[in-house]
Each structure stands twice: as structure tokens, then as C-alpha cells.
N, C-alpha and C. Protein backbone atom coordinates (compact mmCIF):
# COMPACT_ATOMS: atom_id res chain seq x y z
N MET A 1 0.84 -1.21 0.00
CA MET A 1 0.00 0.00 0.00
C MET A 1 0.88 1.26 0.00
N LYS A 2 0.56 2.17 -0.90
CA LYS A 2 1.32 3.42 -0.98
C LYS A 2 0.88 4.33 0.17
N ASP A 3 1.82 4.69 1.03
CA ASP A 3 1.44 5.57 2.15
C ASP A 3 2.44 6.71 2.32
N SER A 4 3.04 7.13 1.20
CA SER A 4 3.92 8.29 1.23
C SER A 4 3.87 9.00 -0.11
N TYR A 5 4.31 10.25 -0.11
CA TYR A 5 4.38 11.01 -1.35
C TYR A 5 5.53 12.01 -1.24
N LYS A 6 5.96 12.54 -2.38
CA LYS A 6 7.08 13.50 -2.39
C LYS A 6 6.57 14.90 -2.69
N THR A 7 7.15 15.87 -1.99
CA THR A 7 6.77 17.27 -2.20
C THR A 7 7.95 18.17 -1.83
N ILE A 8 7.74 19.48 -1.91
CA ILE A 8 8.76 20.43 -1.45
C ILE A 8 8.16 21.26 -0.32
N GLU A 9 9.01 21.80 0.54
CA GLU A 9 8.52 22.57 1.68
C GLU A 9 8.77 24.06 1.54
N LYS A 10 9.61 24.43 0.58
CA LYS A 10 9.83 25.87 0.36
C LYS A 10 10.07 26.14 -1.13
N LYS A 11 9.90 27.38 -1.50
CA LYS A 11 10.02 27.83 -2.88
C LYS A 11 11.43 27.56 -3.43
N SER A 12 11.48 27.20 -4.70
CA SER A 12 12.78 27.07 -5.38
C SER A 12 12.68 27.70 -6.76
N GLN A 13 13.81 28.03 -7.35
CA GLN A 13 13.82 28.73 -8.63
C GLN A 13 14.77 28.07 -9.63
N GLY A 14 14.51 28.30 -10.91
CA GLY A 14 15.37 27.81 -11.97
C GLY A 14 15.42 28.81 -13.10
N TYR A 15 16.24 28.50 -14.12
CA TYR A 15 16.41 29.46 -15.22
C TYR A 15 16.89 28.72 -16.47
N PHE A 16 16.43 29.21 -17.63
CA PHE A 16 16.91 28.69 -18.92
C PHE A 16 16.84 29.83 -19.94
N LYS A 17 17.83 29.88 -20.82
CA LYS A 17 17.85 30.92 -21.83
C LYS A 17 18.10 30.31 -23.20
N ASP A 18 17.37 30.80 -24.21
CA ASP A 18 17.56 30.32 -25.57
C ASP A 18 17.23 31.44 -26.56
N LYS A 19 18.18 31.78 -27.41
CA LYS A 19 18.00 32.79 -28.47
C LYS A 19 17.40 34.09 -27.94
N GLY A 20 17.89 34.51 -26.82
CA GLY A 20 17.44 35.78 -26.25
C GLY A 20 16.23 35.68 -25.33
N SER A 21 15.42 34.62 -25.47
CA SER A 21 14.27 34.43 -24.58
C SER A 21 14.75 33.89 -23.23
N LYS A 22 14.24 34.49 -22.17
CA LYS A 22 14.62 34.07 -20.82
C LYS A 22 13.43 33.39 -20.15
N PHE A 23 13.68 32.26 -19.54
CA PHE A 23 12.64 31.46 -18.89
C PHE A 23 12.99 31.33 -17.40
N TYR A 24 12.24 32.03 -16.56
CA TYR A 24 12.43 31.97 -15.11
C TYR A 24 11.39 31.01 -14.53
N SER A 25 11.85 30.03 -13.80
CA SER A 25 10.92 29.03 -13.25
C SER A 25 10.85 29.13 -11.72
N PHE A 26 9.65 28.91 -11.21
CA PHE A 26 9.39 29.02 -9.77
C PHE A 26 8.53 27.84 -9.31
N ALA A 27 9.04 27.09 -8.35
CA ALA A 27 8.28 25.97 -7.77
C ALA A 27 7.83 26.35 -6.37
N PHE A 28 6.56 26.11 -6.08
CA PHE A 28 5.98 26.48 -4.77
C PHE A 28 5.27 25.27 -4.15
N PRO A 29 5.41 25.07 -2.83
CA PRO A 29 4.56 24.09 -2.16
C PRO A 29 3.16 24.69 -2.01
N VAL A 30 2.13 23.94 -2.36
CA VAL A 30 0.74 24.45 -2.28
C VAL A 30 -0.19 23.39 -1.70
N LYS A 31 -1.33 23.86 -1.17
CA LYS A 31 -2.30 22.95 -0.57
C LYS A 31 -3.64 22.93 -1.30
N ASN A 32 -3.95 24.02 -2.01
CA ASN A 32 -5.25 24.10 -2.68
C ASN A 32 -5.21 25.07 -3.86
N GLU A 33 -6.31 25.10 -4.62
CA GLU A 33 -6.36 25.93 -5.83
C GLU A 33 -6.45 27.43 -5.51
N ILE A 34 -7.00 27.78 -4.37
CA ILE A 34 -7.06 29.19 -3.97
C ILE A 34 -5.65 29.74 -3.81
N GLU A 35 -4.82 28.97 -3.13
CA GLU A 35 -3.41 29.35 -2.93
C GLU A 35 -2.71 29.47 -4.28
N ILE A 36 -2.99 28.54 -5.19
CA ILE A 36 -2.38 28.54 -6.52
C ILE A 36 -2.73 29.82 -7.28
N LYS A 37 -4.00 30.19 -7.27
CA LYS A 37 -4.45 31.40 -7.97
C LYS A 37 -3.77 32.65 -7.42
N GLU A 38 -3.62 32.71 -6.10
CA GLU A 38 -2.97 33.87 -5.47
C GLU A 38 -1.50 33.98 -5.88
N ILE A 39 -0.81 32.84 -5.92
CA ILE A 39 0.62 32.85 -6.29
C ILE A 39 0.78 33.28 -7.75
N ILE A 40 -0.05 32.72 -8.63
CA ILE A 40 0.04 33.08 -10.06
C ILE A 40 -0.26 34.55 -10.26
N SER A 41 -1.27 35.05 -9.57
CA SER A 41 -1.63 36.46 -9.66
C SER A 41 -0.46 37.34 -9.20
N GLY A 42 0.19 36.94 -8.12
CA GLY A 42 1.34 37.69 -7.59
C GLY A 42 2.50 37.70 -8.57
N LEU A 43 2.76 36.55 -9.22
CA LEU A 43 3.85 36.48 -10.19
C LEU A 43 3.57 37.32 -11.42
N LYS A 44 2.29 37.39 -11.82
CA LYS A 44 1.92 38.20 -12.99
C LYS A 44 2.14 39.69 -12.70
N LYS A 45 1.90 40.09 -11.45
CA LYS A 45 2.15 41.49 -11.07
C LYS A 45 3.65 41.76 -11.00
N GLU A 46 4.37 40.81 -10.41
CA GLU A 46 5.81 40.97 -10.24
C GLU A 46 6.53 40.98 -11.60
N HIS A 47 6.08 40.13 -12.51
CA HIS A 47 6.69 40.01 -13.85
C HIS A 47 5.68 40.50 -14.90
N HIS A 48 5.18 41.71 -14.73
CA HIS A 48 4.11 42.24 -15.59
C HIS A 48 4.57 42.47 -17.03
N SER A 49 5.87 42.62 -17.24
CA SER A 49 6.35 42.86 -18.61
C SER A 49 6.70 41.57 -19.34
N ALA A 50 6.55 40.43 -18.68
CA ALA A 50 6.83 39.14 -19.33
C ALA A 50 5.70 38.80 -20.30
N ARG A 51 6.06 38.06 -21.36
CA ARG A 51 5.08 37.71 -22.38
C ARG A 51 4.13 36.59 -21.93
N HIS A 52 4.66 35.62 -21.22
CA HIS A 52 3.86 34.45 -20.82
C HIS A 52 4.16 34.04 -19.38
N HIS A 53 3.11 33.55 -18.70
CA HIS A 53 3.24 33.00 -17.35
C HIS A 53 2.59 31.61 -17.38
N CYS A 54 3.34 30.63 -17.83
CA CYS A 54 2.80 29.28 -18.02
C CYS A 54 3.00 28.46 -16.74
N PHE A 55 2.10 27.51 -16.53
CA PHE A 55 2.20 26.77 -15.27
C PHE A 55 1.59 25.38 -15.35
N ALA A 56 1.91 24.59 -14.34
CA ALA A 56 1.25 23.30 -14.10
C ALA A 56 1.27 23.04 -12.61
N TRP A 57 0.29 22.29 -12.14
CA TRP A 57 0.27 21.92 -10.73
C TRP A 57 -0.26 20.51 -10.54
N ARG A 58 0.12 19.93 -9.41
CA ARG A 58 -0.41 18.62 -8.99
C ARG A 58 -0.80 18.74 -7.52
N LEU A 59 -2.00 18.29 -7.19
CA LEU A 59 -2.50 18.34 -5.81
C LEU A 59 -2.98 16.96 -5.38
N GLY A 60 -2.69 16.62 -4.12
CA GLY A 60 -3.16 15.36 -3.56
C GLY A 60 -2.00 14.41 -3.30
N ALA A 61 -2.29 13.41 -2.48
CA ALA A 61 -1.26 12.43 -2.14
C ALA A 61 -1.56 11.07 -2.76
N GLU A 62 -2.85 10.77 -2.96
CA GLU A 62 -3.24 9.49 -3.54
C GLU A 62 -4.02 9.71 -4.84
N ASP A 63 -5.19 10.35 -4.73
CA ASP A 63 -5.96 10.70 -5.93
C ASP A 63 -5.47 12.08 -6.39
N ILE A 64 -4.47 12.06 -7.25
CA ILE A 64 -3.81 13.31 -7.63
C ILE A 64 -4.59 14.03 -8.73
N ARG A 65 -4.87 15.31 -8.47
CA ARG A 65 -5.48 16.19 -9.48
C ARG A 65 -4.37 17.04 -10.08
N PHE A 66 -4.53 17.42 -11.34
CA PHE A 66 -3.49 18.22 -11.98
C PHE A 66 -4.10 19.12 -13.05
N ARG A 67 -3.32 20.13 -13.42
CA ARG A 67 -3.72 21.05 -14.48
C ARG A 67 -2.47 21.64 -15.12
N ALA A 68 -2.57 21.93 -16.42
CA ALA A 68 -1.47 22.58 -17.14
C ALA A 68 -2.05 23.72 -17.96
N ASN A 69 -1.30 24.83 -18.07
CA ASN A 69 -1.78 26.01 -18.79
C ASN A 69 -0.66 26.60 -19.64
N ASP A 70 -0.95 26.80 -20.93
CA ASP A 70 0.05 27.33 -21.88
C ASP A 70 0.13 28.85 -21.90
N ASP A 71 -0.86 29.53 -21.35
CA ASP A 71 -0.91 30.99 -21.28
C ASP A 71 -0.48 31.67 -22.59
N GLY A 72 -1.12 31.27 -23.68
CA GLY A 72 -0.87 31.94 -24.96
C GLY A 72 0.20 31.32 -25.83
N GLU A 73 1.02 30.44 -25.27
CA GLU A 73 1.99 29.73 -26.10
C GLU A 73 1.24 28.70 -26.96
N PRO A 74 1.83 28.23 -28.07
CA PRO A 74 1.18 27.19 -28.89
C PRO A 74 0.78 25.99 -28.03
N SER A 75 -0.35 25.38 -28.34
CA SER A 75 -0.92 24.30 -27.55
C SER A 75 0.10 23.20 -27.21
N SER A 76 0.17 22.87 -25.94
CA SER A 76 1.01 21.79 -25.39
C SER A 76 2.51 22.03 -25.45
N THR A 77 2.93 23.28 -25.72
CA THR A 77 4.37 23.56 -25.77
C THR A 77 4.92 24.05 -24.43
N ALA A 78 4.04 24.41 -23.50
CA ALA A 78 4.51 24.98 -22.22
C ALA A 78 3.96 24.21 -21.02
N GLY A 79 2.64 24.25 -20.83
CA GLY A 79 2.03 23.59 -19.68
C GLY A 79 2.33 22.11 -19.60
N LYS A 80 2.26 21.44 -20.76
CA LYS A 80 2.48 19.99 -20.79
C LYS A 80 3.91 19.60 -20.40
N PRO A 81 4.95 20.26 -20.96
CA PRO A 81 6.30 19.92 -20.51
C PRO A 81 6.57 20.28 -19.05
N ILE A 82 5.92 21.33 -18.54
CA ILE A 82 6.06 21.68 -17.11
C ILE A 82 5.46 20.55 -16.27
N LEU A 83 4.24 20.15 -16.63
CA LEU A 83 3.57 19.04 -15.91
C LEU A 83 4.39 17.76 -16.02
N GLY A 84 4.98 17.54 -17.19
CA GLY A 84 5.80 16.34 -17.39
C GLY A 84 6.96 16.26 -16.42
N GLN A 85 7.55 17.40 -16.08
CA GLN A 85 8.65 17.41 -15.12
C GLN A 85 8.15 17.13 -13.70
N LEU A 86 6.97 17.65 -13.36
CA LEU A 86 6.38 17.35 -12.04
C LEU A 86 6.15 15.84 -11.90
N GLN A 87 5.65 15.24 -12.99
CA GLN A 87 5.40 13.80 -12.97
C GLN A 87 6.70 13.02 -12.95
N SER A 88 7.69 13.49 -13.70
CA SER A 88 8.99 12.82 -13.76
C SER A 88 9.69 12.81 -12.39
N PHE A 89 9.58 13.93 -11.67
CA PHE A 89 10.18 14.02 -10.34
C PHE A 89 9.29 13.36 -9.28
N GLY A 90 8.05 13.03 -9.67
CA GLY A 90 7.13 12.35 -8.76
C GLY A 90 6.66 13.19 -7.59
N VAL A 91 6.54 14.51 -7.81
CA VAL A 91 6.16 15.41 -6.71
C VAL A 91 4.69 15.83 -6.82
N SER A 92 4.10 16.11 -5.67
CA SER A 92 2.72 16.56 -5.60
C SER A 92 2.58 17.69 -4.59
N ASN A 93 1.38 18.28 -4.52
CA ASN A 93 1.14 19.48 -3.71
C ASN A 93 2.16 20.55 -4.08
N ILE A 94 2.26 20.78 -5.39
CA ILE A 94 3.28 21.68 -5.91
C ILE A 94 2.76 22.43 -7.13
N LEU A 95 3.14 23.69 -7.23
CA LEU A 95 2.85 24.54 -8.39
C LEU A 95 4.18 24.93 -9.01
N LEU A 96 4.25 24.82 -10.34
CA LEU A 96 5.47 25.24 -11.04
C LEU A 96 5.08 26.22 -12.14
N VAL A 97 5.60 27.44 -12.03
CA VAL A 97 5.31 28.50 -12.99
C VAL A 97 6.59 28.85 -13.74
N VAL A 98 6.48 28.96 -15.07
CA VAL A 98 7.62 29.41 -15.87
C VAL A 98 7.24 30.72 -16.54
N VAL A 99 8.00 31.77 -16.23
CA VAL A 99 7.76 33.11 -16.77
C VAL A 99 8.71 33.33 -17.94
N ARG A 100 8.14 33.66 -19.12
CA ARG A 100 8.98 33.86 -20.30
C ARG A 100 9.05 35.33 -20.70
N TYR A 101 10.28 35.81 -20.83
CA TYR A 101 10.54 37.12 -21.43
C TYR A 101 11.01 36.87 -22.87
N PHE A 102 10.22 37.30 -23.83
CA PHE A 102 10.49 37.04 -25.24
C PHE A 102 11.74 37.78 -25.71
N GLY A 103 12.60 37.05 -26.42
CA GLY A 103 13.87 37.64 -26.84
C GLY A 103 13.91 38.11 -28.28
N GLY A 104 12.75 38.05 -28.97
CA GLY A 104 12.71 38.55 -30.34
C GLY A 104 12.82 37.50 -31.42
N THR A 105 13.29 36.31 -31.06
CA THR A 105 13.43 35.22 -32.04
C THR A 105 12.50 34.07 -31.67
N LEU A 106 11.69 33.62 -32.64
CA LEU A 106 10.78 32.50 -32.40
C LEU A 106 11.59 31.22 -32.21
N LEU A 107 11.15 30.40 -31.28
CA LEU A 107 11.89 29.17 -30.97
C LEU A 107 11.31 27.94 -31.67
N GLY A 108 10.08 28.07 -32.18
CA GLY A 108 9.44 26.90 -32.78
C GLY A 108 8.89 25.97 -31.72
N VAL A 109 8.06 25.04 -32.15
CA VAL A 109 7.40 24.12 -31.22
C VAL A 109 8.41 23.31 -30.41
N SER A 110 9.36 22.67 -31.08
CA SER A 110 10.33 21.82 -30.35
C SER A 110 11.22 22.66 -29.43
N GLY A 111 11.55 23.88 -29.88
CA GLY A 111 12.37 24.77 -29.06
C GLY A 111 11.66 25.21 -27.80
N LEU A 112 10.37 25.49 -27.92
CA LEU A 112 9.56 25.89 -26.75
C LEU A 112 9.44 24.74 -25.76
N ILE A 113 9.13 23.56 -26.27
CA ILE A 113 9.00 22.39 -25.40
C ILE A 113 10.29 22.16 -24.61
N LYS A 114 11.41 22.24 -25.32
CA LYS A 114 12.72 22.05 -24.67
C LYS A 114 12.97 23.12 -23.62
N ALA A 115 12.65 24.38 -23.94
CA ALA A 115 12.90 25.49 -23.02
C ALA A 115 12.07 25.36 -21.74
N TYR A 116 10.78 25.08 -21.90
CA TYR A 116 9.91 24.96 -20.71
C TYR A 116 10.27 23.73 -19.89
N ARG A 117 10.66 22.66 -20.57
CA ARG A 117 11.07 21.45 -19.85
C ARG A 117 12.36 21.70 -19.07
N ASN A 118 13.34 22.33 -19.70
CA ASN A 118 14.63 22.58 -19.03
C ASN A 118 14.50 23.57 -17.88
N ALA A 119 13.70 24.61 -18.08
CA ALA A 119 13.49 25.60 -17.00
C ALA A 119 12.81 24.94 -15.80
N SER A 120 11.82 24.09 -16.08
CA SER A 120 11.10 23.38 -15.01
C SER A 120 12.03 22.43 -14.27
N ALA A 121 12.81 21.68 -15.03
CA ALA A 121 13.74 20.72 -14.42
C ALA A 121 14.75 21.44 -13.52
N ASP A 122 15.19 22.62 -13.94
CA ASP A 122 16.17 23.37 -13.15
C ASP A 122 15.60 23.78 -11.79
N ALA A 123 14.34 24.24 -11.78
CA ALA A 123 13.70 24.62 -10.52
C ALA A 123 13.56 23.41 -9.59
N LEU A 124 13.22 22.26 -10.16
CA LEU A 124 13.02 21.06 -9.34
C LEU A 124 14.36 20.48 -8.86
N GLN A 125 15.38 20.60 -9.70
CA GLN A 125 16.71 20.15 -9.27
C GLN A 125 17.25 21.02 -8.13
N ASN A 126 16.84 22.27 -8.11
CA ASN A 126 17.27 23.19 -7.05
C ASN A 126 16.42 23.08 -5.80
N ALA A 127 15.32 22.33 -5.88
CA ALA A 127 14.39 22.21 -4.75
C ALA A 127 14.85 21.14 -3.77
N GLU A 128 14.41 21.29 -2.53
CA GLU A 128 14.64 20.26 -1.52
C GLU A 128 13.39 19.39 -1.47
N ILE A 129 13.47 18.25 -2.11
CA ILE A 129 12.32 17.35 -2.21
C ILE A 129 12.30 16.42 -1.00
N LYS A 130 11.13 16.36 -0.35
CA LYS A 130 11.00 15.54 0.86
C LYS A 130 9.88 14.52 0.69
N THR A 131 10.04 13.40 1.37
CA THR A 131 9.00 12.36 1.38
C THR A 131 8.16 12.53 2.64
N LYS A 132 6.84 12.57 2.45
CA LYS A 132 5.92 12.70 3.59
C LYS A 132 4.99 11.49 3.65
N LEU A 133 4.62 11.15 4.87
CA LEU A 133 3.72 10.01 5.06
C LEU A 133 2.26 10.41 4.89
N ILE A 134 1.47 9.50 4.36
CA ILE A 134 0.02 9.65 4.35
C ILE A 134 -0.47 8.97 5.63
N GLU A 135 -1.18 9.73 6.45
CA GLU A 135 -1.59 9.20 7.76
C GLU A 135 -3.11 9.13 7.89
N GLN A 136 -3.54 8.22 8.75
CA GLN A 136 -4.95 8.09 9.11
C GLN A 136 -5.11 8.50 10.56
N GLN A 137 -6.17 9.25 10.84
CA GLN A 137 -6.43 9.68 12.22
C GLN A 137 -7.62 8.92 12.80
N TYR A 138 -7.54 8.65 14.09
CA TYR A 138 -8.62 8.00 14.83
C TYR A 138 -8.90 8.73 16.14
N ASP A 139 -10.15 8.69 16.58
CA ASP A 139 -10.53 9.11 17.93
C ASP A 139 -10.87 7.86 18.72
N ILE A 140 -10.44 7.81 19.97
CA ILE A 140 -10.87 6.70 20.83
C ILE A 140 -11.46 7.26 22.13
N HIS A 141 -12.52 6.61 22.59
CA HIS A 141 -13.20 6.97 23.84
C HIS A 141 -13.15 5.76 24.77
N PHE A 142 -12.85 6.01 26.05
CA PHE A 142 -12.77 4.89 27.00
C PHE A 142 -12.88 5.43 28.42
N THR A 143 -13.06 4.54 29.36
CA THR A 143 -13.21 4.93 30.76
C THR A 143 -11.84 4.93 31.44
N TYR A 144 -11.78 5.56 32.63
CA TYR A 144 -10.50 5.70 33.33
C TYR A 144 -9.82 4.37 33.63
N ASN A 145 -10.61 3.34 33.87
CA ASN A 145 -9.98 2.06 34.21
C ASN A 145 -9.24 1.43 33.03
N LYS A 146 -9.42 1.99 31.83
CA LYS A 146 -8.71 1.50 30.65
C LYS A 146 -7.50 2.38 30.29
N LEU A 147 -7.33 3.47 31.03
CA LEU A 147 -6.31 4.46 30.67
C LEU A 147 -4.91 3.87 30.57
N ASN A 148 -4.48 3.16 31.61
CA ASN A 148 -3.12 2.61 31.61
C ASN A 148 -2.90 1.63 30.46
N GLU A 149 -3.91 0.81 30.22
CA GLU A 149 -3.80 -0.20 29.15
C GLU A 149 -3.69 0.47 27.78
N VAL A 150 -4.54 1.48 27.55
CA VAL A 150 -4.54 2.20 26.26
C VAL A 150 -3.21 2.91 26.05
N MET A 151 -2.74 3.62 27.08
CA MET A 151 -1.48 4.36 26.95
C MET A 151 -0.30 3.42 26.74
N HIS A 152 -0.35 2.27 27.37
CA HIS A 152 0.72 1.28 27.19
C HIS A 152 0.78 0.80 25.74
N ILE A 153 -0.37 0.54 25.15
CA ILE A 153 -0.43 0.09 23.75
C ILE A 153 0.11 1.17 22.82
N LEU A 154 -0.32 2.40 23.05
CA LEU A 154 0.13 3.51 22.20
C LEU A 154 1.65 3.68 22.27
N LYS A 155 2.19 3.55 23.47
CA LYS A 155 3.64 3.71 23.65
C LYS A 155 4.39 2.54 23.02
N GLN A 156 3.87 1.34 23.27
CA GLN A 156 4.51 0.13 22.75
C GLN A 156 4.55 0.12 21.21
N LYS A 157 3.46 0.56 20.60
CA LYS A 157 3.36 0.56 19.14
C LYS A 157 3.93 1.85 18.52
N LYS A 158 4.42 2.75 19.38
CA LYS A 158 4.99 4.03 18.93
C LYS A 158 4.00 4.81 18.05
N ILE A 159 2.76 4.87 18.54
CA ILE A 159 1.70 5.58 17.82
C ILE A 159 1.68 7.04 18.25
N ASN A 160 1.55 7.92 17.28
CA ASN A 160 1.60 9.37 17.52
C ASN A 160 0.29 9.90 18.10
N ILE A 161 0.31 10.36 19.36
CA ILE A 161 -0.87 10.92 20.01
C ILE A 161 -1.00 12.39 19.60
N LEU A 162 -2.19 12.77 19.15
CA LEU A 162 -2.43 14.15 18.69
C LEU A 162 -3.05 15.01 19.78
N THR A 163 -4.14 14.52 20.39
CA THR A 163 -4.82 15.28 21.46
C THR A 163 -5.30 14.33 22.55
N THR A 164 -5.40 14.86 23.75
CA THR A 164 -5.97 14.08 24.86
C THR A 164 -6.96 14.95 25.64
N ASP A 165 -8.01 14.32 26.14
CA ASP A 165 -8.99 15.01 26.98
C ASP A 165 -9.45 14.03 28.06
N PHE A 166 -8.94 14.21 29.27
CA PHE A 166 -9.25 13.31 30.37
C PHE A 166 -10.11 14.00 31.43
N ALA A 167 -10.91 14.99 31.01
CA ALA A 167 -11.71 15.79 31.94
C ALA A 167 -12.81 14.95 32.61
N GLU A 168 -13.63 14.27 31.82
CA GLU A 168 -14.70 13.42 32.38
C GLU A 168 -14.33 11.96 32.14
N ASP A 169 -14.79 11.40 31.01
CA ASP A 169 -14.22 10.11 30.64
C ASP A 169 -12.99 10.42 29.77
N CYS A 170 -12.41 9.44 29.16
CA CYS A 170 -11.16 9.67 28.43
C CYS A 170 -11.39 9.73 26.92
N LYS A 171 -10.87 10.77 26.31
CA LYS A 171 -10.91 10.92 24.85
C LYS A 171 -9.49 11.19 24.36
N LEU A 172 -9.18 10.60 23.23
CA LEU A 172 -7.83 10.73 22.72
C LEU A 172 -7.85 10.56 21.20
N SER A 173 -7.04 11.32 20.50
CA SER A 173 -6.93 11.13 19.06
C SER A 173 -5.47 10.81 18.72
N PHE A 174 -5.30 9.97 17.71
CA PHE A 174 -3.94 9.61 17.30
C PHE A 174 -3.88 9.46 15.79
N SER A 175 -2.67 9.51 15.26
CA SER A 175 -2.46 9.29 13.83
C SER A 175 -1.47 8.15 13.63
N VAL A 176 -1.65 7.44 12.54
CA VAL A 176 -0.79 6.31 12.22
C VAL A 176 -0.63 6.25 10.71
N ARG A 177 0.53 5.83 10.23
CA ARG A 177 0.73 5.77 8.78
C ARG A 177 -0.28 4.80 8.16
N LYS A 178 -0.72 5.11 6.97
CA LYS A 178 -1.87 4.42 6.38
C LYS A 178 -1.68 2.91 6.30
N SER A 179 -0.46 2.48 6.00
CA SER A 179 -0.23 1.03 5.87
C SER A 179 -0.39 0.29 7.20
N GLU A 180 -0.31 1.03 8.33
CA GLU A 180 -0.46 0.42 9.65
C GLU A 180 -1.83 0.69 10.27
N ALA A 181 -2.67 1.46 9.57
CA ALA A 181 -3.93 1.94 10.14
C ALA A 181 -4.89 0.81 10.52
N GLU A 182 -5.07 -0.15 9.62
CA GLU A 182 -6.04 -1.22 9.88
C GLU A 182 -5.62 -2.06 11.08
N LYS A 183 -4.32 -2.29 11.20
CA LYS A 183 -3.77 -3.07 12.31
C LYS A 183 -4.02 -2.34 13.64
N ALA A 184 -3.76 -1.02 13.64
CA ALA A 184 -3.97 -0.22 14.85
C ALA A 184 -5.44 -0.18 15.23
N LYS A 185 -6.29 -0.02 14.22
CA LYS A 185 -7.74 0.01 14.47
C LYS A 185 -8.21 -1.30 15.11
N GLN A 186 -7.68 -2.42 14.60
CA GLN A 186 -8.11 -3.73 15.08
C GLN A 186 -7.75 -3.94 16.54
N ILE A 187 -6.59 -3.43 16.95
CA ILE A 187 -6.14 -3.57 18.34
C ILE A 187 -7.18 -2.96 19.28
N PHE A 188 -7.63 -1.73 18.94
CA PHE A 188 -8.57 -1.04 19.84
C PHE A 188 -10.01 -1.52 19.65
N THR A 189 -10.34 -2.00 18.47
CA THR A 189 -11.67 -2.59 18.25
C THR A 189 -11.85 -3.82 19.13
N ASN A 190 -10.78 -4.58 19.28
CA ASN A 190 -10.83 -5.82 20.08
C ASN A 190 -10.68 -5.58 21.58
N LEU A 191 -10.42 -4.34 21.95
CA LEU A 191 -10.23 -4.03 23.37
C LEU A 191 -11.58 -3.64 23.98
N TYR A 192 -12.07 -4.43 24.89
CA TYR A 192 -13.38 -4.21 25.52
C TYR A 192 -13.42 -2.86 26.25
N GLY A 193 -14.47 -2.10 26.00
CA GLY A 193 -14.64 -0.82 26.70
C GLY A 193 -14.00 0.35 25.98
N VAL A 194 -13.48 0.11 24.77
CA VAL A 194 -12.87 1.18 23.99
C VAL A 194 -13.62 1.34 22.67
N ASP A 195 -14.07 2.56 22.39
CA ASP A 195 -14.72 2.87 21.10
C ASP A 195 -13.72 3.61 20.22
N ILE A 196 -13.60 3.16 18.98
CA ILE A 196 -12.67 3.82 18.05
C ILE A 196 -13.44 4.32 16.83
N ILE A 197 -13.16 5.55 16.44
CA ILE A 197 -13.85 6.19 15.31
C ILE A 197 -12.80 6.71 14.32
N LYS A 198 -13.00 6.38 13.07
CA LYS A 198 -12.13 6.88 12.01
C LYS A 198 -12.41 8.36 11.83
N LYS A 199 -11.37 9.21 11.95
CA LYS A 199 -11.59 10.64 11.95
C LYS A 199 -11.71 11.22 10.55
N ASN A 200 -10.88 10.73 9.64
CA ASN A 200 -10.95 11.22 8.27
C ASN A 200 -10.40 10.16 7.34
N THR A 201 -10.38 10.46 6.04
CA THR A 201 -9.95 9.47 5.06
C THR A 201 -8.45 9.47 4.85
N GLY A 202 -7.77 10.38 5.49
CA GLY A 202 -6.32 10.41 5.34
C GLY A 202 -5.78 11.82 5.49
N LYS A 203 -4.79 11.98 6.30
CA LYS A 203 -4.19 13.31 6.52
C LYS A 203 -2.84 13.35 5.82
N VAL A 204 -2.62 14.42 5.07
CA VAL A 204 -1.34 14.53 4.35
C VAL A 204 -0.62 15.79 4.80
């Protein structure tokens, strides 16, 4: 079971030049499309004299959504090669924008594809790519007489406790990597006096 994905945690940049045209590439860690729109809007203001602001993004850890945009370049000469590099590096939750300053000489279809691909690859090669776990969260409810037993299991299995509430009866939430989730759930399901509830479909 796949329970990890690769992403970046901070912005990185790249560059490529061909026949006077300059291609500045920017990779950003992102969580949603609202964030993506804001970043693209900001880059368009910052690089307002550039001819094109082409981009691609991938979102998600398992069911990955993606989009590519040529921003006025010939169809599939910009967005597609940018997206291709994101797929080649296997990264997600990432936006990659390539800003082109036209140098006066047309590059042709193959030249554009090469330029956008190389600029994108440079930004990703300069990025610090990290592997993150896909985790499942659970809530468990139990009475005080089960507290020691529950805490012992959590410690023994090295399960990450997120929150605790021991005000009246005992409530606790924990996260576990997805490949271990069913096993962890079964332990507490089989423990008399403990209720376990799946909190979400996966935290990334």
C-alpha cells in the first residue's frame, strides 16, 4: 500500500535561456487551488512585462489532481512539458510556474517544449524534495480504568498521540501511517470498553 508522497517545503527557482528568450521558473509548495491562484496572480504582477506566465500543478497524495496552462503559447508547448517534469520528479502538492521574457526570435514548437522542460527541471533540481507520510487519524473513547492499558499500547506501538482530553471520561486522538492503520484500528476494536472512530480518510 502506498502511504507516502514526495513534495517540497519551500520555494525554489530555476532558469533557462535560448535565443534571447529568458525562462524563469518558480516551484511552490501548495495545498489548494485558492493558494495557486494567489501565487500566479502575484507572479503576474511581479513580472508584468513578461510575455507568458505558463504553469502546471499537482494536488493530492493518492488521488492526484493536476492542471497545465500554456498561457498563450502554442498548444502543449509549455504547460504539458512543465507538468511532465512534475510527474517525472514524482512530486505533488506543488505549483510550477515558468515566466517567459520574449527575446525577439521564435523558438518553434520543439524549441519551446525544450525550453519549458529545461526551466522546469532546473527549478526542481534546485528544490529540496521531501518524502511525507500519508496518515490516518482515529478518535478513541474509553473509561478511566482502561487508561493505563490504552497508553501502554500507544507507547509500545509508537503511535503518535495528537490530542488528549481526560476531563470526564477519556478521549484521545492519534495518527498512524496508512499502511499500519487497519492493524492499529483492530487492536482497539478488540479491546473491551474502547470505542474507536475513524476521523478522516487520510491526513497529508
